[in-house]
C-alpha atoms as a PDB file:
ATOM      1  CA  MET A   1     120.231  79.519 112.912  1.00  0.00           C
ATOM      2  CA  THR A   2     120.394  77.242 109.900  1.00  0.00           C
ATOM      3  CA  ILE A   3     123.379  74.938 109.551  1.00  0.00           C
ATOM      4  CA  GLN A   4     124.682  77.166 106.768  1.00  0.00           C
ATOM      5  CA  GLU A   5     124.463  80.203 109.048  1.00  0.00           C
ATOM      6  CA  GLN A   6     126.275  78.291 111.797  1.00  0.00           C
ATOM      7  CA  ILE A   7     129.089  77.371 109.389  1.00  0.00           C
ATOM      8  CA  ILE A   8     129.442  80.960 108.210  1.00  0.00           C
ATOM      9  CA  ALA A   9     129.507  82.166 111.826  1.00  0.00           C
ATOM     10  CA  LYS A  10     132.355  79.745 112.567  1.00  0.00           C
ATOM     11  CA  ILE A  11     134.270  80.911 109.498  1.00  0.00           C
ATOM     12  CA  GLU A  12     133.892  84.492 110.684  1.00  0.00           C
ATOM     13  CA  GLU A  13     135.006  83.538 114.209  1.00  0.00           C
ATOM     14  CA  TYR A  14     138.375  82.022 113.287  1.00  0.00           C
ATOM     15  CA  ASP A  15     141.477  83.757 111.991  1.00  0.00           C
ATOM     16  CA  THR A  16     143.028  80.517 110.692  1.00  0.00           C
ATOM     17  CA  ILE A  17     141.098  77.983 108.596  1.00  0.00           C
ATOM     18  CA  ILE A  18     142.507  74.718 107.243  1.00  0.00           C
ATOM     19  CA  ILE A  19     140.505  72.826 104.628  1.00  0.00           C
ATOM     20  CA  HIS A  20     140.925  69.086 104.056  1.00  0.00           C
ATOM     21  CA  ARG A  21     139.402  66.624 101.564  1.00  0.00           C
ATOM     22  CA  HIS A  22     139.592  62.876 100.959  1.00  0.00           C
ATOM     23  CA  GLN A  23     142.500  60.688  99.952  1.00  0.00           C
ATOM     24  CA  ARG A  24     142.804  59.782  96.260  1.00  0.00           C
ATOM     25  CA  PRO A  25     140.991  63.008  95.392  1.00  0.00           C
ATOM     26  CA  ASP A  26     138.742  63.508  92.395  1.00  0.00           C
ATOM     27  CA  PRO A  27     137.799  66.857  90.825  1.00  0.00           C
ATOM     28  CA  ASP A  28     134.930  67.414  93.276  1.00  0.00           C
ATOM     29  CA  ALA A  29     137.253  66.921  96.246  1.00  0.00           C
ATOM     30  CA  PHE A  30     139.699  69.439  94.777  1.00  0.00           C
ATOM     31  CA  GLY A  31     136.970  71.766  93.538  1.00  0.00           C
ATOM     32  CA  SER A  32     135.035  71.951  96.809  1.00  0.00           C
ATOM     33  CA  GLN A  33     138.198  72.281  98.906  1.00  0.00           C
ATOM     34  CA  SER A  34     139.908  74.947  96.813  1.00  0.00           C
ATOM     35  CA  GLY A  35     136.624  76.634  95.907  1.00  0.00           C
ATOM     36  CA  LEU A  36     135.737  77.155  99.562  1.00  0.00           C
ATOM     37  CA  ALA A  37     139.251  78.408 100.303  1.00  0.00           C
ATOM     38  CA  THR A  38     139.091  80.873  97.416  1.00  0.00           C
ATOM     39  CA  ILE A  39     135.702  82.181  98.512  1.00  0.00           C
ATOM     40  CA  ILE A  40     136.896  82.707 102.100  1.00  0.00           C
ATOM     41  CA  ARG A  41     140.067  84.454 100.951  1.00  0.00           C
ATOM     42  CA  ASN A  42     138.052  86.650  98.615  1.00  0.00           C
ATOM     43  CA  SER A  43     135.536  87.511 101.319  1.00  0.00           C
ATOM     44  CA  TYR A  44     137.820  87.793 104.355  1.00  0.00           C
ATOM     45  CA  PRO A  45     141.266  88.830 103.082  1.00  0.00           C
ATOM     46  CA  ASP A  46     142.724  89.096 106.611  1.00  0.00           C
ATOM     47  CA  LYS A  47     142.129  85.408 107.379  1.00  0.00           C
ATOM     48  CA  LYS A  48     144.807  82.764 106.877  1.00  0.00           C
ATOM     49  CA  VAL A  49     143.328  79.961 104.779  1.00  0.00           C
ATOM     50  CA  TYR A  50     145.160  76.759 103.803  1.00  0.00           C
ATOM     51  CA  ILE A  51     144.300  73.691 101.728  1.00  0.00           C
ATOM     52  CA  VAL A  52     146.151  70.504 102.599  1.00  0.00           C
ATOM     53  CA  GLY A  53     146.559  66.957 101.334  1.00  0.00           C
ATOM     54  CA  LYS A  54     148.712  64.995  98.957  1.00  0.00           C
ATOM     55  CA  THR A  55     149.734  66.761  95.771  1.00  0.00           C
ATOM     56  CA  VAL A  56     148.171  65.125  92.705  1.00  0.00           C
ATOM     57  CA  PRO A  57     149.922  66.174  89.467  1.00  0.00           C
ATOM     58  CA  GLY A  58     146.941  65.265  87.305  1.00  0.00           C
ATOM     59  CA  LEU A  59     144.709  67.677  89.227  1.00  0.00           C
ATOM     60  CA  ALA A  60     147.235  70.442  89.861  1.00  0.00           C
ATOM     61  CA  TRP A  61     145.498  72.517  87.178  1.00  0.00           C
ATOM     62  CA  ILE A  62     142.551  72.810  89.579  1.00  0.00           C
ATOM     63  CA  ALA A  63     144.591  73.705  92.663  1.00  0.00           C
ATOM     64  CA  GLU A  64     147.924  73.134  94.349  1.00  0.00           C
ATOM     65  CA  MET A  65     148.119  72.169  98.002  1.00  0.00           C
ATOM     66  CA  ASP A  66     149.754  74.167 100.796  1.00  0.00           C
ATOM     67  CA  THR A  67     152.540  72.838 103.019  1.00  0.00           C
ATOM     68  CA  ILE A  68     152.022  73.950 106.627  1.00  0.00           C
ATOM     69  CA  GLU A  69     153.593  73.326 110.021  1.00  0.00           C
ATOM     70  CA  ASP A  70     151.775  71.385 112.744  1.00  0.00           C
ATOM     71  CA  SER A  71     151.637  74.511 114.903  1.00  0.00           C
ATOM     72  CA  ILE A  72     149.263  76.213 112.448  1.00  0.00           C
ATOM     73  CA  TYR A  73     146.518  73.868 113.646  1.00  0.00           C
ATOM     74  CA  ASP A  74     146.619  75.495 117.098  1.00  0.00           C
ATOM     75  CA  ASN A  75     143.346  77.427 117.495  1.00  0.00           C
ATOM     76  CA  ALA A  76     142.437  76.739 113.845  1.00  0.00           C
ATOM     77  CA  LEU A  77     139.073  75.834 112.345  1.00  0.00           C
ATOM     78  CA  VAL A  78     139.286  72.645 110.279  1.00  0.00           C
ATOM     79  CA  ILE A  79     136.755  72.125 107.481  1.00  0.00           C
ATOM     80  CA  VAL A  80     136.578  68.786 105.648  1.00  0.00           C
ATOM     81  CA  THR A  81     134.830  68.697 102.277  1.00  0.00           C
ATOM     82  CA  ASP A  82     133.551  65.784 100.187  1.00  0.00           C
ATOM     83  CA  THR A  83     134.657  63.069 102.642  1.00  0.00           C
ATOM     84  CA  ALA A  84     132.145  60.610 104.053  1.00  0.00           C
ATOM     85  CA  ASN A  85     134.379  58.751 106.508  1.00  0.00           C
ATOM     86  CA  ALA A  86     137.035  60.206 108.820  1.00  0.00           C
ATOM     87  CA  PRO A  87     139.667  57.521 107.997  1.00  0.00           C
ATOM     88  CA  ARG A  88     139.584  58.748 104.375  1.00  0.00           C
ATOM     89  CA  ILE A  89     140.517  62.331 105.264  1.00  0.00           C
ATOM     90  CA  ASP A  90     143.801  63.242 103.619  1.00  0.00           C
ATOM     91  CA  ASP A  91     146.423  64.576 106.090  1.00  0.00           C
ATOM     92  CA  GLN A  92     145.699  62.969 109.436  1.00  0.00           C
ATOM     93  CA  ARG A  93     146.408  66.148 111.417  1.00  0.00           C
ATOM     94  CA  TYR A  94     142.761  67.159 111.059  1.00  0.00           C
ATOM     95  CA  PRO A  95     141.813  66.317 114.706  1.00  0.00           C
ATOM     96  CA  THR A  96     144.423  68.750 116.055  1.00  0.00           C
ATOM     97  CA  GLY A  97     142.449  71.855 115.137  1.00  0.00           C
ATOM     98  CA  LYS A  98     140.199  73.515 117.700  1.00  0.00           C
ATOM     99  CA  GLU A  99     136.911  72.745 115.912  1.00  0.00           C
ATOM    100  CA  MET A 100     135.928  70.764 112.828  1.00  0.00           C
ATOM    101  CA  ILE A 101     133.145  71.066 110.251  1.00  0.00           C
ATOM    102  CA  LYS A 102     132.051  68.417 107.745  1.00  0.00           C
ATOM    103  CA  ILE A 103     130.534  69.480 104.403  1.00  0.00           C
ATOM    104  CA  ASP A 104     129.619  66.568 102.151  1.00  0.00           C
ATOM    105  CA  HIS A 105     127.128  65.072  99.707  1.00  0.00           C
ATOM    106  CA  HIS A 106     127.650  61.383 100.491  1.00  0.00           C
ATOM    107  CA  PRO A 107     125.290  59.480 102.818  1.00  0.00           C
ATOM    108  CA  ASN A 108     126.158  60.482 106.383  1.00  0.00           C
ATOM    109  CA  ASP A 109     126.985  56.957 107.555  1.00  0.00           C
ATOM    110  CA  GLU A 110     129.757  58.323 109.782  1.00  0.00           C
ATOM    111  CA  PRO A 111     128.937  61.673 111.352  1.00  0.00           C
ATOM    112  CA  TYR A 112     132.096  63.441 112.513  1.00  0.00           C
ATOM    113  CA  GLY A 113     133.047  66.975 113.430  1.00  0.00           C
ATOM    114  CA  ASP A 114     131.417  69.622 115.602  1.00  0.00           C
ATOM    115  CA  LEU A 115     129.124  70.730 112.772  1.00  0.00           C
ATOM    116  CA  GLN A 116     127.906  68.654 109.825  1.00  0.00           C
ATOM    117  CA  TRP A 117     126.198  69.823 106.665  1.00  0.00           C
ATOM    118  CA  VAL A 118     125.448  66.766 104.578  1.00  0.00           C
ATOM    119  CA  VAL A 119     123.044  66.759 101.625  1.00  0.00           C
ATOM    120  CA  ALA A 120     123.105  63.208 100.312  1.00  0.00           C
ATOM    121  CA  ASP A 121     121.025  63.929  97.208  1.00  0.00           C
ATOM    122  CA  ALA A 122     123.191  66.834  96.044  1.00  0.00           C
ATOM    123  CA  SER A 123     125.075  66.151  92.823  1.00  0.00           C
ATOM    124  CA  SER A 124     128.398  67.339  94.240  1.00  0.00           C
ATOM    125  CA  THR A 125     129.997  69.005  97.229  1.00  0.00           C
ATOM    126  CA  SER A 126     131.167  71.777  94.910  1.00  0.00           C
ATOM    127  CA  SER A 127     127.540  72.744  94.286  1.00  0.00           C
ATOM    128  CA  LEU A 128     126.990  72.881  98.068  1.00  0.00           C
ATOM    129  CA  ILE A 129     129.923  75.263  98.447  1.00  0.00           C
ATOM    130  CA  TYR A 130     128.287  77.588  95.927  1.00  0.00           C
ATOM    131  CA  GLU A 131     125.004  77.369  97.855  1.00  0.00           C
ATOM    132  CA  LEU A 132     126.813  78.148 101.130  1.00  0.00           C
ATOM    133  CA  ALA A 133     128.126  81.391  99.651  1.00  0.00           C
ATOM    134  CA  GLU A 134     124.741  82.129  98.079  1.00  0.00           C
ATOM    135  CA  GLN A 135     122.987  81.796 101.439  1.00  0.00           C
ATOM    136  CA  SER A 136     125.491  83.968 103.326  1.00  0.00           C
ATOM    137  CA  HIS A 137     123.506  87.176 102.738  1.00  0.00           C
ATOM    138  CA  GLY A 138     126.434  88.756 100.945  1.00  0.00           C
ATOM    139  CA  LYS A 139     129.069  87.869 103.546  1.00  0.00           C
ATOM    140  CA  MET A 140     130.805  85.373 101.248  1.00  0.00           C
ATOM    141  CA  THR A 141     131.323  86.240  97.598  1.00  0.00           C
ATOM    142  CA  LEU A 142     132.663  84.316  94.633  1.00  0.00           C
ATOM    143  CA  ASN A 143     135.197  85.429  92.080  1.00  0.00           C
ATOM    144  CA  ALA A 144     136.170  83.940  88.714  1.00  0.00           C
ATOM    145  CA  GLU A 145     138.711  81.538  90.236  1.00  0.00           C
ATOM    146  CA  ALA A 146     136.178  80.142  92.714  1.00  0.00           C
ATOM    147  CA  ALA A 147     133.669  79.691  89.884  1.00  0.00           C
ATOM    148  CA  ARG A 148     136.275  77.880  87.769  1.00  0.00           C
ATOM    149  CA  VAL A 149     137.205  75.273  90.383  1.00  0.00           C
ATOM    150  CA  LEU A 150     133.620  74.731  91.557  1.00  0.00           C
ATOM    151  CA  TYR A 151     132.530  74.162  87.961  1.00  0.00           C
ATOM    152  CA  ALA A 152     135.337  71.609  87.533  1.00  0.00           C
ATOM    153  CA  GLY A 153     134.146  69.803  90.644  1.00  0.00           C
ATOM    154  CA  ILE A 154     130.549  69.682  89.422  1.00  0.00           C
ATOM    155  CA  VAL A 155     131.557  68.441  85.965  1.00  0.00           C
ATOM    156  CA  GLY A 156     133.677  65.736  87.558  1.00  0.00           C
ATOM    157  CA  ASP A 157     131.114  64.366  89.999  1.00  0.00           C
ATOM    158  CA  THR A 158     128.198  64.423  87.557  1.00  0.00           C
ATOM    159  CA  GLY A 159     130.248  62.513  84.993  1.00  0.00           C
ATOM    160  CA  ARG A 160     130.004  65.495  82.621  1.00  0.00           C
ATOM    161  CA  PHE A 161     126.289  65.730  83.448  1.00  0.00           C
ATOM    162  CA  LEU A 162     125.577  62.088  82.632  1.00  0.00           C
ATOM    163  CA  TYR A 163     124.838  61.103  86.263  1.00  0.00           C
ATOM    164  CA  SER A 164     123.531  62.764  89.436  1.00  0.00           C
ATOM    165  CA  VAL A 165     122.282  65.832  87.626  1.00  0.00           C
ATOM    166  CA  ASP A 166     119.121  67.785  88.430  1.00  0.00           C
ATOM    167  CA  SER A 167     117.620  71.236  88.001  1.00  0.00           C
ATOM    168  CA  GLU A 168     119.456  72.583  91.055  1.00  0.00           C
ATOM    169  CA  THR A 169     122.798  71.463  89.620  1.00  0.00           C
ATOM    170  CA  MET A 170     122.084  73.233  86.352  1.00  0.00           C
ATOM    171  CA  ARG A 171     120.902  76.346  88.193  1.00  0.00           C
ATOM    172  CA  VAL A 172     124.221  76.492  90.055  1.00  0.00           C
ATOM    173  CA  VAL A 173     126.151  75.952  86.818  1.00  0.00           C
ATOM    174  CA  SER A 174     124.229  78.759  85.131  1.00  0.00           C
ATOM    175  CA  GLN A 175     125.220  81.088  87.969  1.00  0.00           C
ATOM    176  CA  LEU A 176     128.876  80.043  87.728  1.00  0.00           C
ATOM    177  CA  PHE A 177     128.820  80.803  84.000  1.00  0.00           C
ATOM    178  CA  LYS A 178     128.287  84.478  84.858  1.00  0.00           C
ATOM    179  CA  PHE A 179     131.912  84.669  85.999  1.00  0.00           C
ATOM    180  CA  ASP A 180     134.781  85.287  83.614  1.00  0.00           C
ATOM    181  CA  PHE A 181     136.650  81.991  83.342  1.00  0.00           C
ATOM    182  CA  ASP A 182     137.459  79.796  80.351  1.00  0.00           C
ATOM    183  CA  ILE A 183     134.664  77.218  80.398  1.00  0.00           C
ATOM    184  CA  ILE A 184     135.878  75.453  77.260  1.00  0.00           C
ATOM    185  CA  LYS A 185     139.378  75.090  78.674  1.00  0.00           C
ATOM    186  CA  VAL A 186     138.000  73.467  81.846  1.00  0.00           C
ATOM    187  CA  ASN A 187     135.941  71.052  79.754  1.00  0.00           C
ATOM    188  CA  GLN A 188     138.975  70.150  77.659  1.00  0.00           C
ATOM    189  CA  LYS A 189     141.095  69.579  80.773  1.00  0.00           C
ATOM    190  CA  MET A 190     138.397  67.330  82.244  1.00  0.00           C
ATOM    191  CA  ASP A 191     138.290  65.262  79.057  1.00  0.00           C
ATOM    192  CA  ALA A 192     142.034  64.955  78.403  1.00  0.00           C
ATOM    193  CA  ILE A 193     144.047  61.795  79.136  1.00  0.00           C
ATOM    194  CA  SER A 194     147.681  60.908  78.540  1.00  0.00           C
ATOM    195  CA  PRO A 195     148.813  58.573  75.741  1.00  0.00           C
ATOM    196  CA  GLU A 196     149.474  55.907  78.380  1.00  0.00           C
ATOM    197  CA  ALA A 197     145.971  56.322  79.772  1.00  0.00           C
ATOM    198  CA  ALA A 198     144.558  56.053  76.253  1.00  0.00           C
ATOM    199  CA  LYS A 199     146.288  52.698  75.831  1.00  0.00           C
ATOM    200  CA  LEU A 200     144.868  51.374  79.100  1.00  0.00           C
ATOM    201  CA  SER A 201     141.424  52.645  78.056  1.00  0.00           C
ATOM    202  CA  GLY A 202     141.690  50.639  74.852  1.00  0.00           C
ATOM    203  CA  TYR A 203     142.743  47.569  76.816  1.00  0.00           C
ATOM    204  CA  VAL A 204     139.782  47.894  79.194  1.00  0.00           C
ATOM    205  CA  LEU A 205     137.247  48.204  76.378  1.00  0.00           C
ATOM    206  CA  GLN A 206     138.781  45.305  74.483  1.00  0.00           C
ATOM    207  CA  ASN A 207     138.970  43.007  77.501  1.00  0.00           C
ATOM    208  CA  LEU A 208     135.854  44.030  79.409  1.00  0.00           C
ATOM    209  CA  ASN A 209     133.962  41.063  80.855  1.00  0.00           C
ATOM    210  CA  ILE A 210     130.315  41.482  79.872  1.00  0.00           C
ATOM    211  CA  VAL A 211     128.046  38.905  81.478  1.00  0.00           C
ATOM    212  CA  GLU A 212     124.314  38.304  81.498  1.00  0.00           C
ATOM    213  CA  ASP A 213     121.614  40.819  82.439  1.00  0.00           C
ATOM    214  CA  GLY A 214     123.684  43.912  81.648  1.00  0.00           C
ATOM    215  CA  LEU A 215     126.546  43.397  84.112  1.00  0.00           C
ATOM    216  CA  ALA A 216     130.205  44.024  83.269  1.00  0.00           C
ATOM    217  CA  TYR A 217     133.418  43.911  85.268  1.00  0.00           C
ATOM    218  CA  MET A 218     137.151  44.476  84.924  1.00  0.00           C
ATOM    219  CA  VAL A 219     139.989  43.399  87.235  1.00  0.00           C
ATOM    220  CA  LEU A 220     143.117  45.543  87.064  1.00  0.00           C
ATOM    221  CA  SER A 221     146.133  43.801  88.564  1.00  0.00           C
ATOM    222  CA  ASN A 222     149.181  45.674  89.848  1.00  0.00           C
ATOM    223  CA  GLU A 223     151.231  44.098  87.088  1.00  0.00           C
ATOM    224  CA  LEU A 224     148.784  45.185  84.393  1.00  0.00           C
ATOM    225  CA  VAL A 225     148.508  48.789  85.613  1.00  0.00           C
ATOM    226  CA  SER A 226     152.290  49.071  86.013  1.00  0.00           C
ATOM    227  CA  SER A 227     152.812  47.917  82.432  1.00  0.00           C
ATOM    228  CA  PHE A 228     151.051  51.051  81.145  1.00  0.00           C
ATOM    229  CA  ASP A 229     153.410  53.418  83.044  1.00  0.00           C
ATOM    230  CA  LEU A 230     150.653  55.788  84.194  1.00  0.00           C
ATOM    231  CA  GLY A 231     152.813  57.577  86.752  1.00  0.00           C
ATOM    232  CA  GLU A 232     150.725  59.560  89.258  1.00  0.00           C
ATOM    233  CA  SER A 233     147.631  59.817  87.074  1.00  0.00           C
ATOM    234  CA  GLY A 234     145.814  56.847  88.634  1.00  0.00           C
ATOM    235  CA  THR A 235     143.109  54.777  86.973  1.00  0.00           C
ATOM    236  CA  ALA A 236     139.924  56.756  87.714  1.00  0.00           C
ATOM    237  CA  PHE A 237     139.593  57.599  84.012  1.00  0.00           C
ATOM    238  CA  VAL A 238     138.712  53.976  83.151  1.00  0.00           C
ATOM    239  CA  VAL A 239     135.745  53.771  85.536  1.00  0.00           C
ATOM    240  CA  PRO A 240     133.151  55.390  83.203  1.00  0.00           C
ATOM    241  CA  LEU A 241     134.274  53.399  80.151  1.00  0.00           C
ATOM    242  CA  PRO A 242     132.133  50.249  80.584  1.00  0.00           C
ATOM    243  CA  GLY A 243     129.033  52.429  80.803  1.00  0.00           C
ATOM    244  CA  ARG A 244     129.589  53.563  77.231  1.00  0.00           C
ATOM    245  CA  VAL A 245     128.696  50.072  76.023  1.00  0.00           C
ATOM    246  CA  ASP A 246     124.969  50.216  75.356  1.00  0.00           C
ATOM    247  CA  SER A 247     124.191  46.745  76.724  1.00  0.00           C
ATOM    248  CA  VAL A 248     125.963  47.427  80.045  1.00  0.00           C
ATOM    249  CA  ARG A 249     123.688  48.701  82.811  1.00  0.00           C
ATOM    250  CA  THR A 250     125.795  47.979  85.910  1.00  0.00           C
ATOM    251  CA  TRP A 251     129.563  47.613  86.117  1.00  0.00           C
ATOM    252  CA  VAL A 252     132.421  47.286  88.564  1.00  0.00           C
ATOM    253  CA  VAL A 253     136.155  47.945  88.274  1.00  0.00           C
ATOM    254  CA  PHE A 254     138.542  46.197  90.685  1.00  0.00           C
ATOM    255  CA  GLU A 255     142.046  47.598  91.134  1.00  0.00           C
ATOM    256  CA  GLU A 256     144.669  45.612  93.028  1.00  0.00           C
ATOM    257  CA  GLN A 257     146.447  47.489  95.822  1.00  0.00           C
ATOM    258  CA  ASP A 258     149.984  47.075  97.174  1.00  0.00           C
ATOM    259  CA  ASP A 259     148.735  44.726  99.918  1.00  0.00           C
ATOM    260  CA  HIS A 260     146.930  42.639  97.250  1.00  0.00           C
ATOM    261  CA  SER A 261     143.500  43.765  98.382  1.00  0.00           C
ATOM    262  CA  TYR A 262     141.295  45.435  95.758  1.00  0.00           C
ATOM    263  CA  ARG A 263     139.786  48.872  95.482  1.00  0.00           C
ATOM    264  CA  VAL A 264     136.240  48.462  94.160  1.00  0.00           C
ATOM    265  CA  ARG A 265     134.412  51.064  92.073  1.00  0.00           C
ATOM    266  CA  LEU A 266     130.763  50.305  91.349  1.00  0.00           C
ATOM    267  CA  ARG A 267     128.544  52.169  88.892  1.00  0.00           C
ATOM    268  CA  SER A 268     125.015  51.685  87.570  1.00  0.00           C
ATOM    269  CA  LYS A 269     122.604  53.319  85.160  1.00  0.00           C
ATOM    270  CA  ASP A 270     119.508  52.180  87.026  1.00  0.00           C
ATOM    271  CA  MET A 271     119.912  49.537  89.753  1.00  0.00           C
ATOM    272  CA  VAL A 272     120.919  50.793  93.210  1.00  0.00           C
ATOM    273  CA  ILE A 273     124.364  49.450  94.125  1.00  0.00           C
ATOM    274  CA  ASN A 274     125.399  51.233  97.329  1.00  0.00           C
ATOM    275  CA  THR A 275     123.704  48.521  99.415  1.00  0.00           C
ATOM    276  CA  ILE A 276     126.132  45.990  97.944  1.00  0.00           C
ATOM    277  CA  ALA A 277     129.037  48.372  98.560  1.00  0.00           C
ATOM    278  CA  ARG A 278     128.089  48.538 102.246  1.00  0.00           C
ATOM    279  CA  ASN A 279     128.442  44.761 102.457  1.00  0.00           C
ATOM    280  CA  HIS A 280     132.111  45.176 101.570  1.00  0.00           C
ATOM    281  CA  ALA A 281     133.473  48.002 103.759  1.00  0.00           C
ATOM    282  CA  GLY A 282     132.168  50.694 101.447  1.00  0.00           C
ATOM    283  CA  GLY A 283     129.243  52.891 100.524  1.00  0.00           C
ATOM    284  CA  GLY A 284     128.397  55.944  98.488  1.00  0.00           C
ATOM    285  CA  HIS A 285     125.654  57.135  96.181  1.00  0.00           C
ATOM    286  CA  PRO A 286     122.864  54.881  94.909  1.00  0.00           C
ATOM    287  CA  LEU A 287     124.391  54.662  91.413  1.00  0.00           C
ATOM    288  CA  ALA A 288     128.061  55.365  92.196  1.00  0.00           C
ATOM    289  CA  SER A 289     129.798  53.713  95.124  1.00  0.00           C
ATOM    290  CA  GLY A 290     133.115  52.363  96.326  1.00  0.00           C
ATOM    291  CA  ALA A 291     134.138  49.373  98.414  1.00  0.00           C
ATOM    292  CA  ARG A 292     137.087  47.172  99.335  1.00  0.00           C
ATOM    293  CA  ALA A 293     137.736  43.486  98.620  1.00  0.00           C
ATOM    294  CA  ARG A 294     140.282  41.596 100.724  1.00  0.00           C
ATOM    295  CA  ASP A 295     141.256  39.193  97.952  1.00  0.00           C
ATOM    296  CA  MET A 296     140.076  37.560  94.724  1.00  0.00           C
ATOM    297  CA  ASP A 297     137.594  35.440  96.668  1.00  0.00           C
ATOM    298  CA  GLU A 298     135.808  38.596  97.783  1.00  0.00           C
ATOM    299  CA  VAL A 299     136.126  40.033  94.266  1.00  0.00           C
ATOM    300  CA  ASN A 300     134.209  37.000  92.993  1.00  0.00           C
ATOM    301  CA  ASP A 301     131.665  37.360  95.814  1.00  0.00           C
ATOM    302  CA  ILE A 302     130.953  40.952  94.733  1.00  0.00           C
ATOM    303  CA  ILE A 303     130.546  39.920  91.110  1.00  0.00           C
ATOM    304  CA  ASP A 304     128.120  37.167  92.180  1.00  0.00           C
ATOM    305  CA  GLU A 305     126.119  39.577  94.353  1.00  0.00           C
ATOM    306  CA  LEU A 306     125.863  42.058  91.500  1.00  0.00           C
ATOM    307  CA  ALA A 307     124.818  39.337  89.069  1.00  0.00           C
ATOM    308  CA  ARG A 308     122.039  38.142  91.371  1.00  0.00           C
ATOM    309  CA  ALA A 309     120.865  41.687  92.066  1.00  0.00           C
ATOM    310  CA  ARG A 310     120.959  42.502  88.353  1.00  0.00           C
ATOM    311  CA  LYS A 311     118.804  39.466  87.554  1.00  0.00           C
ATOM    312  CA  ARG A 312     116.259  40.379  90.261  1.00  0.00           C
ATOM    313  CA  TYR A 313     116.118  43.936  88.959  1.00  0.00           C
ATOM    314  CA  ASN A 314     115.568  42.804  85.359  1.00  0.00           C
ATOM    315  CA  ASP A 315     112.910  40.302  86.403  1.00  0.00           C
ATOM    316  CA  ARG A 316     110.907  43.104  88.046  1.00  0.00           C
ATOM    317  CA  LEU A 317     110.925  44.981  84.739  1.00  0.00           C
ATOM    318  CA  ILE A 318     109.280  42.090  82.871  1.00  0.00           C
END
């Protein structure tokens, strides 16, 4: 049996299925999680299917989470989507289910679960969920709602088709377009930001540190972020902004956390940066990765590493 067939067999075996995704979710986390749940509900209406994790107001238009008792995990199948590392799984009750499956498109640096389907070169986990249904020989079928949330996940993780896009991604999107959902409305939702977020975006572009060899960085302190009164929306919307500057090829956004460490988001248009992320308790895709910096000293170390790597990369192009 293929891994996809094994996953489908497990879905058919269990009456209760609980689907998790990662903390600080993005559209692909929500899209793959809720898309899989919708497909299972549509295909097996007698099964009890739940999606769990922290409610995120800014992504509630994709899906709203379920609140369930601990006892529901008894004899349940747990599926975790779009989450590379077990500590990042939102809702730490995930080990209390009977069996666990991992479905992901990040490098499989931490295998976990009884079954793992990881395709590191896939553009999104949402596209994998579509392929799982497609390869089920008719056992799992999509509806318009599943197509809507999977499309949102793909748009989110490809950066509106600017990154991590290939012919397979576009094939999946073309199939999703056959379902009756408002594509334009999804695109508008993906592009919309609040007035407060617009002000922070302007600040980032105005104060972006652009250094030699196409490198740029921005440090967002707690005090700075709080001054823009973003509420629950987070700061993920600022991450693509430096890449819109034509001279910027690689960039990094540091966001201070409550313990004064820094969340690190690295992006690149050409140079591989996940190797640097791994040096700092992180990882991810070759051109889009995350990491953690203990303090400003480590923030400066990451900037220095990127600057040296950027110079080596440019020198090879000469």
